């Protein structure tokens, strides 16, 4: 700003001892206004980037939580024979597909260097959450397919790991499901 302002001031011959001419003042004010707009645009861009990242975080938390509860609800429905094998399998595979789509988009952000380095860890953490949910869903699908109680135990273990992650991620660590 000072360099640009200095250049403008030195190129205008009508500088008096008392100050600058009205034409010079207009130019200086115009430059200051433009720089103010650039600063506002820059700040606005930072605020927009923060807003996008916050939105990704909120939507990811929602997706992780709802996927977790949806898998659990489907498992409960299957256990109580509300859902048959086919319906339970379709629902869980649908949850897996939706979570995989979200995970793929997050991976695209990482592979395209679309986020600042400080945000990479957070995105990798969200991806880890989706991986845990996928493992939980896969374990229940194995149980549905085989009826083997060992698979049910594996599902329970995966479910507990997923919940531990989600509750910590969302700040619900001390709460119940």
N, C-alpha and C. Protein backbone atom coordinates (compact mmCIF):
# COMPACT_ATOMS: atom_id res chain seq x y z
N UNK A 1 0.83 -1.20 0.00
CA UNK A 1 0.00 0.00 0.00
C UNK A 1 0.86 1.25 0.00
N UNK A 2 1.86 1.29 0.86
CA UNK A 2 2.70 2.49 0.92
C UNK A 2 3.46 2.69 -0.38
N UNK A 3 3.92 1.62 -0.99
CA UNK A 3 4.65 1.74 -2.25
C UNK A 3 3.72 2.28 -3.32
N UNK A 4 2.55 1.69 -3.45
CA UNK A 4 1.60 2.15 -4.46
C UNK A 4 1.19 3.58 -4.17
N UNK A 5 0.89 3.89 -2.92
CA UNK A 5 0.49 5.24 -2.55
C UNK A 5 1.63 6.23 -2.85
N UNK A 6 2.86 5.84 -2.55
CA UNK A 6 4.04 6.68 -2.83
C UNK A 6 4.20 6.94 -4.31
N UNK A 7 3.98 5.91 -5.15
CA UNK A 7 4.08 6.09 -6.59
C UNK A 7 3.03 7.05 -7.10
N UNK A 8 1.83 6.92 -6.60
CA UNK A 8 0.76 7.83 -7.01
C UNK A 8 1.11 9.25 -6.58
N UNK A 9 1.54 9.40 -5.37
CA UNK A 9 1.85 10.74 -4.86
C UNK A 9 3.00 11.36 -5.64
N UNK A 10 4.03 10.60 -6.00
CA UNK A 10 5.17 11.16 -6.72
C UNK A 10 4.83 11.47 -8.17
N UNK A 11 3.81 10.85 -8.71
CA UNK A 11 3.46 11.11 -10.12
C UNK A 11 2.50 12.27 -10.29
N UNK A 12 2.02 12.81 -9.20
CA UNK A 12 1.08 13.92 -9.26
C UNK A 12 1.82 15.21 -8.90
N UNK A 13 1.89 16.14 -9.85
CA UNK A 13 2.65 17.37 -9.60
C UNK A 13 1.95 18.37 -8.70
N UNK A 14 0.72 18.20 -8.39
CA UNK A 14 -0.04 19.23 -7.69
C UNK A 14 -0.06 19.04 -6.17
N UNK A 15 1.06 18.65 -5.57
CA UNK A 15 1.12 18.49 -4.13
C UNK A 15 1.53 19.83 -3.51
N UNK A 16 0.73 20.32 -2.63
CA UNK A 16 1.05 21.59 -1.98
C UNK A 16 1.67 21.32 -0.63
N UNK A 17 2.16 22.32 -0.01
CA UNK A 17 2.77 22.18 1.30
C UNK A 17 1.74 21.78 2.35
N UNK A 18 0.51 22.14 2.11
CA UNK A 18 -0.54 21.83 3.08
C UNK A 18 -1.13 20.44 2.88
N UNK A 19 -0.83 19.76 1.80
CA UNK A 19 -1.40 18.44 1.56
C UNK A 19 -1.46 18.14 0.09
N UNK A 20 -2.34 17.24 -0.27
CA UNK A 20 -2.46 16.82 -1.65
C UNK A 20 -3.67 17.46 -2.29
N UNK A 21 -3.63 17.55 -3.60
CA UNK A 21 -4.78 18.11 -4.30
C UNK A 21 -5.96 17.15 -4.20
N UNK A 22 -7.13 17.64 -4.56
CA UNK A 22 -8.32 16.80 -4.50
C UNK A 22 -8.21 15.62 -5.45
N UNK A 23 -7.56 15.82 -6.62
CA UNK A 23 -7.38 14.74 -7.57
C UNK A 23 -6.49 13.64 -6.97
N UNK A 24 -5.44 14.02 -6.30
CA UNK A 24 -4.54 13.06 -5.66
C UNK A 24 -5.23 12.35 -4.51
N UNK A 25 -6.02 13.11 -3.76
CA UNK A 25 -6.77 12.50 -2.66
C UNK A 25 -7.73 11.43 -3.19
N UNK A 26 -8.39 11.75 -4.31
CA UNK A 26 -9.30 10.78 -4.91
C UNK A 26 -8.57 9.52 -5.32
N UNK A 27 -7.40 9.68 -5.94
CA UNK A 27 -6.61 8.51 -6.34
C UNK A 27 -6.20 7.70 -5.12
N UNK A 28 -5.72 8.37 -4.10
CA UNK A 28 -5.30 7.67 -2.88
C UNK A 28 -6.47 6.94 -2.24
N UNK A 29 -7.61 7.62 -2.17
CA UNK A 29 -8.80 6.98 -1.59
C UNK A 29 -9.25 5.80 -2.44
N UNK A 30 -9.12 5.93 -3.75
CA UNK A 30 -9.48 4.84 -4.65
C UNK A 30 -8.58 3.63 -4.42
N UNK A 31 -7.28 3.89 -4.27
CA UNK A 31 -6.33 2.80 -4.01
C UNK A 31 -6.62 2.16 -2.67
N UNK A 32 -6.84 2.99 -1.65
CA UNK A 32 -7.15 2.44 -0.33
C UNK A 32 -8.44 1.62 -0.36
N UNK A 33 -9.42 2.08 -1.08
CA UNK A 33 -10.68 1.35 -1.19
C UNK A 33 -10.46 0.01 -1.88
N UNK A 34 -9.66 0.03 -2.97
CA UNK A 34 -9.38 -1.22 -3.70
C UNK A 34 -8.63 -2.20 -2.82
N UNK A 35 -7.64 -1.67 -2.08
CA UNK A 35 -6.90 -2.55 -1.18
C UNK A 35 -7.78 -3.06 -0.06
N UNK A 36 -8.69 -2.20 0.41
CA UNK A 36 -9.64 -2.65 1.43
C UNK A 36 -10.52 -3.76 0.90
N UNK A 37 -10.94 -3.64 -0.36
CA UNK A 37 -11.75 -4.70 -0.98
C UNK A 37 -10.94 -5.98 -1.13
N UNK A 38 -9.64 -5.85 -1.53
CA UNK A 38 -8.78 -7.03 -1.64
C UNK A 38 -8.63 -7.70 -0.29
N UNK A 39 -8.41 -6.88 0.74
CA UNK A 39 -8.28 -7.45 2.09
C UNK A 39 -9.59 -8.11 2.51
N UNK A 40 -10.69 -7.44 2.21
CA UNK A 40 -12.00 -8.02 2.55
C UNK A 40 -12.23 -9.30 1.75
N UNK A 41 -11.86 -9.28 0.45
CA UNK A 41 -11.99 -10.48 -0.37
C UNK A 41 -11.14 -11.60 0.17
N UNK A 42 -9.91 -11.28 0.59
CA UNK A 42 -9.01 -12.28 1.13
C UNK A 42 -9.57 -12.85 2.43
N UNK A 43 -10.05 -11.94 3.29
CA UNK A 43 -10.65 -12.38 4.55
C UNK A 43 -11.91 -13.19 4.28
N UNK A 44 -12.68 -12.75 3.30
CA UNK A 44 -13.90 -13.45 2.93
C UNK A 44 -13.56 -14.86 2.41
N UNK A 45 -12.48 -14.96 1.61
CA UNK A 45 -12.07 -16.26 1.09
C UNK A 45 -11.66 -17.19 2.23
N UNK A 46 -10.94 -16.63 3.22
CA UNK A 46 -10.55 -17.44 4.38
C UNK A 46 -11.79 -17.86 5.14
N UNK A 47 -12.71 -16.93 5.33
CA UNK A 47 -13.95 -17.27 6.04
C UNK A 47 -14.75 -18.32 5.27
N UNK A 48 -14.77 -18.23 3.94
CA UNK A 48 -15.47 -19.23 3.14
C UNK A 48 -14.79 -20.58 3.26
N UNK A 49 -13.46 -20.60 3.23
CA UNK A 49 -12.73 -21.86 3.37
C UNK A 49 -13.03 -22.47 4.74
N UNK A 50 -13.02 -21.65 5.78
CA UNK A 50 -13.35 -22.15 7.11
C UNK A 50 -14.78 -22.67 7.16
N UNK A 51 -15.68 -21.95 6.51
CA UNK A 51 -17.08 -22.38 6.47
C UNK A 51 -17.22 -23.73 5.77
N UNK A 52 -16.53 -23.90 4.64
CA UNK A 52 -16.58 -25.18 3.94
C UNK A 52 -16.02 -26.30 4.80
N UNK A 53 -14.91 -26.05 5.48
CA UNK A 53 -14.31 -27.08 6.32
C UNK A 53 -15.22 -27.40 7.51
N UNK A 54 -15.81 -26.38 8.11
CA UNK A 54 -16.75 -26.63 9.20
C UNK A 54 -17.94 -27.44 8.71
N UNK A 55 -18.41 -27.12 7.51
CA UNK A 55 -19.54 -27.84 6.94
C UNK A 55 -19.17 -29.30 6.69
N UNK A 56 -17.98 -29.53 6.17
CA UNK A 56 -17.51 -30.91 5.98
C UNK A 56 -17.49 -31.64 7.32
N UNK A 57 -17.01 -30.98 8.35
CA UNK A 57 -16.96 -31.60 9.68
C UNK A 57 -18.33 -31.93 10.23
N UNK A 58 -19.25 -30.99 10.12
CA UNK A 58 -20.61 -31.21 10.64
C UNK A 58 -21.31 -32.32 9.86
N UNK A 59 -21.21 -32.26 8.53
CA UNK A 59 -21.87 -33.29 7.73
C UNK A 59 -21.21 -34.66 7.92
N UNK A 60 -19.91 -34.67 8.14
CA UNK A 60 -19.23 -35.94 8.40
C UNK A 60 -19.66 -36.52 9.74
N UNK A 61 -19.76 -35.66 10.76
CA UNK A 61 -20.22 -36.13 12.06
C UNK A 61 -21.63 -36.71 11.94
N UNK A 62 -22.48 -36.00 11.21
CA UNK A 62 -23.85 -36.48 11.01
C UNK A 62 -23.83 -37.82 10.29
N UNK A 63 -23.04 -37.92 9.25
CA UNK A 63 -22.98 -39.15 8.46
C UNK A 63 -22.45 -40.31 9.28
N UNK A 64 -21.39 -40.07 10.01
CA UNK A 64 -20.82 -41.14 10.86
C UNK A 64 -21.86 -41.61 11.89
N UNK A 65 -22.48 -40.66 12.56
CA UNK A 65 -23.45 -41.00 13.60
C UNK A 65 -24.66 -41.74 13.02
N UNK A 66 -25.22 -41.20 11.95
CA UNK A 66 -26.41 -41.83 11.38
C UNK A 66 -26.10 -43.18 10.75
N UNK A 67 -24.93 -43.32 10.16
CA UNK A 67 -24.56 -44.63 9.61
C UNK A 67 -24.42 -45.64 10.74
N UNK A 68 -23.78 -45.22 11.82
CA UNK A 68 -23.63 -46.10 12.98
C UNK A 68 -24.99 -46.54 13.51
N UNK A 69 -25.88 -45.57 13.72
CA UNK A 69 -27.19 -45.93 14.27
C UNK A 69 -28.03 -46.73 13.28
N UNK A 70 -27.86 -46.45 12.00
CA UNK A 70 -28.61 -47.20 10.98
C UNK A 70 -28.17 -48.66 10.92
N UNK A 71 -26.88 -48.89 11.01
CA UNK A 71 -26.39 -50.28 11.03
C UNK A 71 -26.94 -50.99 12.27
N UNK A 72 -26.87 -50.30 13.41
CA UNK A 72 -27.37 -50.90 14.65
C UNK A 72 -28.87 -51.17 14.62
N UNK A 73 -29.61 -50.24 14.07
CA UNK A 73 -31.06 -50.42 13.96
C UNK A 73 -31.40 -51.58 13.04
N UNK A 74 -30.67 -51.68 11.95
CA UNK A 74 -30.90 -52.80 11.03
C UNK A 74 -30.55 -54.13 11.69
N UNK A 75 -29.44 -54.14 12.43
CA UNK A 75 -29.05 -55.36 13.14
C UNK A 75 -30.13 -55.75 14.16
N UNK A 76 -30.63 -54.77 14.88
CA UNK A 76 -31.71 -55.05 15.83
C UNK A 76 -32.96 -55.57 15.12
N UNK A 77 -33.28 -54.94 13.99
CA UNK A 77 -34.45 -55.37 13.22
C UNK A 77 -34.30 -56.79 12.70
N UNK A 78 -33.10 -57.15 12.29
CA UNK A 78 -32.85 -58.51 11.81
C UNK A 78 -32.94 -59.50 12.98
N UNK A 79 -32.33 -59.12 14.11
CA UNK A 79 -32.35 -60.00 15.29
C UNK A 79 -33.77 -60.26 15.78
N UNK A 80 -34.63 -59.28 15.66
CA UNK A 80 -36.02 -59.42 16.12
C UNK A 80 -36.95 -59.88 14.99
N UNK A 81 -36.36 -60.25 13.88
CA UNK A 81 -37.05 -60.76 12.70
C UNK A 81 -38.03 -59.75 12.08
N UNK A 82 -37.76 -58.49 12.31
CA UNK A 82 -38.51 -57.43 11.63
C UNK A 82 -38.06 -57.36 10.17
N UNK A 83 -36.75 -57.56 9.97
CA UNK A 83 -36.18 -57.60 8.62
C UNK A 83 -35.77 -59.03 8.30
N UNK A 84 -36.03 -59.45 7.08
CA UNK A 84 -35.51 -60.75 6.64
C UNK A 84 -34.06 -60.56 6.17
N UNK A 85 -33.44 -61.67 5.79
CA UNK A 85 -32.04 -61.64 5.35
C UNK A 85 -31.82 -60.66 4.21
N UNK A 86 -32.69 -60.74 3.22
CA UNK A 86 -32.52 -59.91 2.03
C UNK A 86 -32.63 -58.42 2.34
N UNK A 87 -33.63 -58.07 3.13
CA UNK A 87 -33.83 -56.66 3.47
C UNK A 87 -32.68 -56.13 4.32
N UNK A 88 -32.29 -56.88 5.32
CA UNK A 88 -31.18 -56.46 6.19
C UNK A 88 -29.88 -56.32 5.38
N UNK A 89 -29.63 -57.26 4.50
CA UNK A 89 -28.43 -57.21 3.66
C UNK A 89 -28.47 -55.99 2.75
N UNK A 90 -29.60 -55.74 2.13
CA UNK A 90 -29.73 -54.58 1.24
C UNK A 90 -29.52 -53.28 2.00
N UNK A 91 -30.12 -53.16 3.16
CA UNK A 91 -29.97 -51.93 3.95
C UNK A 91 -28.51 -51.71 4.35
N UNK A 92 -27.88 -52.73 4.86
CA UNK A 92 -26.49 -52.57 5.31
C UNK A 92 -25.56 -52.28 4.14
N UNK A 93 -25.78 -52.93 3.01
CA UNK A 93 -24.95 -52.63 1.84
C UNK A 93 -25.19 -51.21 1.36
N UNK A 94 -26.41 -50.73 1.50
CA UNK A 94 -26.71 -49.33 1.15
C UNK A 94 -25.93 -48.38 2.05
N UNK A 95 -25.92 -48.65 3.35
CA UNK A 95 -25.16 -47.80 4.28
C UNK A 95 -23.68 -47.84 3.95
N UNK A 96 -23.18 -49.02 3.61
CA UNK A 96 -21.78 -49.14 3.22
C UNK A 96 -21.49 -48.30 1.97
N UNK A 97 -22.38 -48.36 1.01
CA UNK A 97 -22.18 -47.62 -0.23
C UNK A 97 -22.18 -46.11 -0.02
N UNK A 98 -23.11 -45.65 0.79
CA UNK A 98 -23.16 -44.22 1.09
C UNK A 98 -21.90 -43.76 1.83
N UNK A 99 -21.47 -44.55 2.79
CA UNK A 99 -20.25 -44.21 3.53
C UNK A 99 -19.02 -44.26 2.62
N UNK A 100 -18.98 -45.22 1.72
CA UNK A 100 -17.86 -45.31 0.78
C UNK A 100 -17.82 -44.09 -0.14
N UNK A 101 -19.00 -43.62 -0.55
CA UNK A 101 -19.06 -42.41 -1.38
C UNK A 101 -18.52 -41.19 -0.65
N UNK A 102 -18.89 -41.04 0.60
CA UNK A 102 -18.39 -39.92 1.41
C UNK A 102 -16.87 -40.04 1.59
N UNK A 103 -16.43 -41.24 1.87
CA UNK A 103 -14.99 -41.48 2.05
C UNK A 103 -14.23 -41.17 0.76
N UNK A 104 -14.76 -41.58 -0.37
CA UNK A 104 -14.11 -41.30 -1.66
C UNK A 104 -13.97 -39.80 -1.90
N UNK A 105 -15.02 -39.04 -1.56
CA UNK A 105 -14.95 -37.59 -1.74
C UNK A 105 -13.89 -36.97 -0.83
N UNK A 106 -13.80 -37.45 0.39
CA UNK A 106 -12.77 -36.94 1.29
C UNK A 106 -11.38 -37.28 0.77
N UNK A 107 -11.23 -38.48 0.24
CA UNK A 107 -9.94 -38.86 -0.35
C UNK A 107 -9.60 -37.99 -1.56
N UNK A 108 -10.60 -37.59 -2.33
CA UNK A 108 -10.35 -36.69 -3.47
C UNK A 108 -9.82 -35.35 -2.98
N UNK A 109 -10.42 -34.84 -1.90
CA UNK A 109 -9.92 -33.58 -1.34
C UNK A 109 -8.44 -33.71 -0.97
N UNK A 110 -8.09 -34.85 -0.40
CA UNK A 110 -6.70 -35.07 0.00
C UNK A 110 -5.78 -35.24 -1.20
N UNK A 111 -6.20 -36.01 -2.18
CA UNK A 111 -5.34 -36.29 -3.33
C UNK A 111 -5.17 -35.06 -4.23
N UNK A 112 -6.13 -34.16 -4.21
CA UNK A 112 -6.06 -32.94 -5.03
C UNK A 112 -5.44 -31.78 -4.25
N UNK A 113 -4.95 -32.05 -3.05
CA UNK A 113 -4.39 -30.99 -2.20
C UNK A 113 -5.36 -29.81 -2.07
N UNK A 114 -6.62 -30.14 -1.88
CA UNK A 114 -7.67 -29.12 -1.81
C UNK A 114 -7.84 -28.54 -0.41
N UNK A 115 -7.10 -29.04 0.54
CA UNK A 115 -7.20 -28.53 1.91
C UNK A 115 -5.80 -28.22 2.43
N UNK A 116 -5.75 -27.33 3.39
CA UNK A 116 -4.48 -26.96 4.01
C UNK A 116 -3.91 -28.15 4.76
N UNK A 117 -2.61 -28.14 4.90
CA UNK A 117 -1.91 -29.24 5.58
C UNK A 117 -2.47 -29.49 6.98
N UNK A 118 -2.86 -28.41 7.67
CA UNK A 118 -3.37 -28.57 9.03
C UNK A 118 -4.70 -29.33 9.07
N UNK A 119 -5.40 -29.41 7.94
CA UNK A 119 -6.70 -30.08 7.87
C UNK A 119 -6.59 -31.55 7.47
N UNK A 120 -5.43 -31.95 6.99
CA UNK A 120 -5.24 -33.32 6.49
C UNK A 120 -5.50 -34.34 7.58
N UNK A 121 -5.00 -34.09 8.77
CA UNK A 121 -5.18 -35.03 9.88
C UNK A 121 -6.66 -35.21 10.21
N UNK A 122 -7.41 -34.11 10.20
CA UNK A 122 -8.84 -34.18 10.50
C UNK A 122 -9.57 -35.02 9.44
N UNK A 123 -9.25 -34.79 8.17
CA UNK A 123 -9.90 -35.57 7.11
C UNK A 123 -9.52 -37.05 7.20
N UNK A 124 -8.26 -37.32 7.49
CA UNK A 124 -7.84 -38.72 7.65
C UNK A 124 -8.56 -39.37 8.82
N UNK A 125 -8.83 -38.60 9.85
CA UNK A 125 -9.56 -39.12 11.00
C UNK A 125 -11.00 -39.48 10.62
N UNK A 126 -11.63 -38.61 9.84
CA UNK A 126 -13.00 -38.90 9.39
C UNK A 126 -13.01 -40.15 8.52
N UNK A 127 -12.03 -40.26 7.66
CA UNK A 127 -11.92 -41.45 6.80
C UNK A 127 -11.75 -42.70 7.66
N UNK A 128 -10.97 -42.60 8.71
CA UNK A 128 -10.81 -43.72 9.64
C UNK A 128 -12.15 -44.12 10.24
N UNK A 129 -12.97 -43.13 10.56
CA UNK A 129 -14.30 -43.42 11.10
C UNK A 129 -15.15 -44.20 10.11
N UNK A 130 -15.10 -43.80 8.84
CA UNK A 130 -15.84 -44.54 7.82
C UNK A 130 -15.31 -45.95 7.65
N UNK A 131 -13.98 -46.12 7.78
CA UNK A 131 -13.39 -47.47 7.71
C UNK A 131 -13.92 -48.35 8.85
N UNK A 132 -14.01 -47.78 10.04
CA UNK A 132 -14.53 -48.54 11.18
C UNK A 132 -15.99 -48.95 10.96
N UNK A 133 -16.78 -48.04 10.40
CA UNK A 133 -18.17 -48.37 10.12
C UNK A 133 -18.28 -49.44 9.04
N UNK A 134 -17.41 -49.38 8.05
CA UNK A 134 -17.41 -50.39 7.00
C UNK A 134 -17.07 -51.76 7.59
N UNK A 135 -16.11 -51.80 8.49
CA UNK A 135 -15.74 -53.07 9.14
C UNK A 135 -16.89 -53.59 9.99
N UNK A 136 -17.59 -52.70 10.67
CA UNK A 136 -18.75 -53.09 11.47
C UNK A 136 -19.84 -53.68 10.57
N UNK A 137 -20.12 -52.99 9.48
CA UNK A 137 -21.16 -53.46 8.55
C UNK A 137 -20.77 -54.80 7.92
N UNK A 138 -19.51 -54.93 7.53
CA UNK A 138 -19.04 -56.18 6.91
C UNK A 138 -19.17 -57.34 7.89
N UNK A 139 -18.87 -57.08 9.14
CA UNK A 139 -18.99 -58.15 10.15
C UNK A 139 -20.44 -58.58 10.31
N UNK A 140 -21.38 -57.63 10.29
CA UNK A 140 -22.78 -58.03 10.41
C UNK A 140 -23.28 -58.74 9.17
N UNK A 141 -22.81 -58.31 8.02
CA UNK A 141 -23.16 -59.02 6.79
C UNK A 141 -22.67 -60.47 6.84
N UNK A 142 -21.48 -60.67 7.38
CA UNK A 142 -20.97 -62.04 7.54
C UNK A 142 -21.85 -62.85 8.50
N UNK A 143 -22.32 -62.20 9.55
CA UNK A 143 -23.22 -62.88 10.47
C UNK A 143 -24.53 -63.25 9.76
N UNK A 144 -25.10 -62.32 9.01
CA UNK A 144 -26.34 -62.60 8.29
C UNK A 144 -26.13 -63.78 7.33
N UNK A 145 -25.02 -63.76 6.65
CA UNK A 145 -24.73 -64.79 5.65
C UNK A 145 -24.52 -66.16 6.27
N UNK A 146 -23.78 -66.21 7.38
CA UNK A 146 -23.39 -67.51 7.96
C UNK A 146 -24.23 -67.94 9.15
N UNK A 147 -24.78 -66.95 9.88
CA UNK A 147 -25.49 -67.29 11.11
C UNK A 147 -24.55 -67.68 12.24
N UNK A 148 -23.27 -67.57 12.01
CA UNK A 148 -22.24 -67.96 12.97
C UNK A 148 -22.15 -66.91 14.10
N UNK A 149 -22.30 -67.39 15.34
CA UNK A 149 -22.27 -66.50 16.50
C UNK A 149 -20.91 -65.82 16.66
N UNK A 150 -19.84 -66.45 16.16
CA UNK A 150 -18.52 -65.81 16.22
C UNK A 150 -18.52 -64.52 15.39
N UNK A 151 -19.25 -64.53 14.29
CA UNK A 151 -19.36 -63.33 13.47
C UNK A 151 -20.13 -62.24 14.22
N UNK A 152 -21.08 -62.66 15.02
CA UNK A 152 -21.83 -61.70 15.84
C UNK A 152 -20.91 -61.07 16.87
N UNK A 153 -20.03 -61.87 17.45
CA UNK A 153 -19.05 -61.33 18.41
C UNK A 153 -18.11 -60.35 17.71
N UNK A 154 -17.70 -60.69 16.48
CA UNK A 154 -16.84 -59.79 15.71
C UNK A 154 -17.57 -58.48 15.44
N UNK A 155 -18.84 -58.59 15.08
CA UNK A 155 -19.66 -57.40 14.85
C UNK A 155 -19.70 -56.53 16.09
N UNK A 156 -19.93 -57.14 17.24
CA UNK A 156 -20.02 -56.39 18.49
C UNK A 156 -18.70 -55.66 18.78
N UNK A 157 -17.60 -56.33 18.57
CA UNK A 157 -16.28 -55.70 18.77
C UNK A 157 -16.09 -54.52 17.82
N UNK A 158 -16.44 -54.70 16.56
CA UNK A 158 -16.30 -53.63 15.56
C UNK A 158 -17.24 -52.47 15.90
N UNK A 159 -18.42 -52.81 16.35
CA UNK A 159 -19.41 -51.79 16.73
C UNK A 159 -18.87 -50.95 17.89
N UNK A 160 -18.28 -51.60 18.87
CA UNK A 160 -17.73 -50.88 20.03
C UNK A 160 -16.58 -49.97 19.61
N UNK A 161 -15.73 -50.43 18.69
CA UNK A 161 -14.64 -49.59 18.19
C UNK A 161 -15.17 -48.38 17.42
N UNK A 162 -16.20 -48.62 16.61
CA UNK A 162 -16.79 -47.52 15.84
C UNK A 162 -17.41 -46.50 16.79
N UNK A 163 -18.13 -46.98 17.80
CA UNK A 163 -18.75 -46.05 18.74
C UNK A 163 -17.69 -45.26 19.53
N UNK A 164 -16.64 -45.91 19.95
CA UNK A 164 -15.57 -45.22 20.68
C UNK A 164 -15.02 -44.07 19.82
N UNK A 165 -14.81 -44.34 18.55
CA UNK A 165 -14.31 -43.31 17.64
C UNK A 165 -15.33 -42.18 17.49
N UNK A 166 -16.56 -42.54 17.16
CA UNK A 166 -17.60 -41.53 16.89
C UNK A 166 -17.88 -40.68 18.12
N UNK A 167 -17.98 -41.31 19.26
CA UNK A 167 -18.28 -40.54 20.48
C UNK A 167 -17.14 -39.59 20.81
N UNK A 168 -15.91 -40.00 20.57
CA UNK A 168 -14.78 -39.09 20.80
C UNK A 168 -14.78 -37.97 19.75
N UNK A 169 -15.00 -38.34 18.50
CA UNK A 169 -15.02 -37.37 17.41
C UNK A 169 -16.07 -36.29 17.65
N UNK A 170 -17.21 -36.69 18.17
CA UNK A 170 -18.32 -35.75 18.38
C UNK A 170 -18.32 -35.14 19.78
N UNK A 171 -17.37 -35.52 20.60
CA UNK A 171 -17.32 -34.99 21.95
C UNK A 171 -18.37 -35.60 22.86
N UNK A 172 -18.76 -36.83 22.56
CA UNK A 172 -19.78 -37.53 23.36
C UNK A 172 -19.16 -38.65 24.19
N UNK A 173 -17.87 -38.59 24.40
CA UNK A 173 -17.11 -39.70 24.97
C UNK A 173 -17.75 -40.31 26.23
N UNK A 174 -18.33 -39.48 27.08
CA UNK A 174 -18.89 -40.00 28.32
C UNK A 174 -20.37 -40.37 28.24
N UNK A 175 -20.95 -40.20 27.05
CA UNK A 175 -22.38 -40.49 26.94
C UNK A 175 -22.62 -41.91 26.45
N UNK A 176 -23.83 -42.31 26.59
CA UNK A 176 -24.24 -43.62 26.12
C UNK A 176 -24.71 -43.53 24.67
N UNK A 177 -24.85 -44.67 24.03
CA UNK A 177 -25.39 -44.71 22.67
C UNK A 177 -26.73 -44.09 22.72
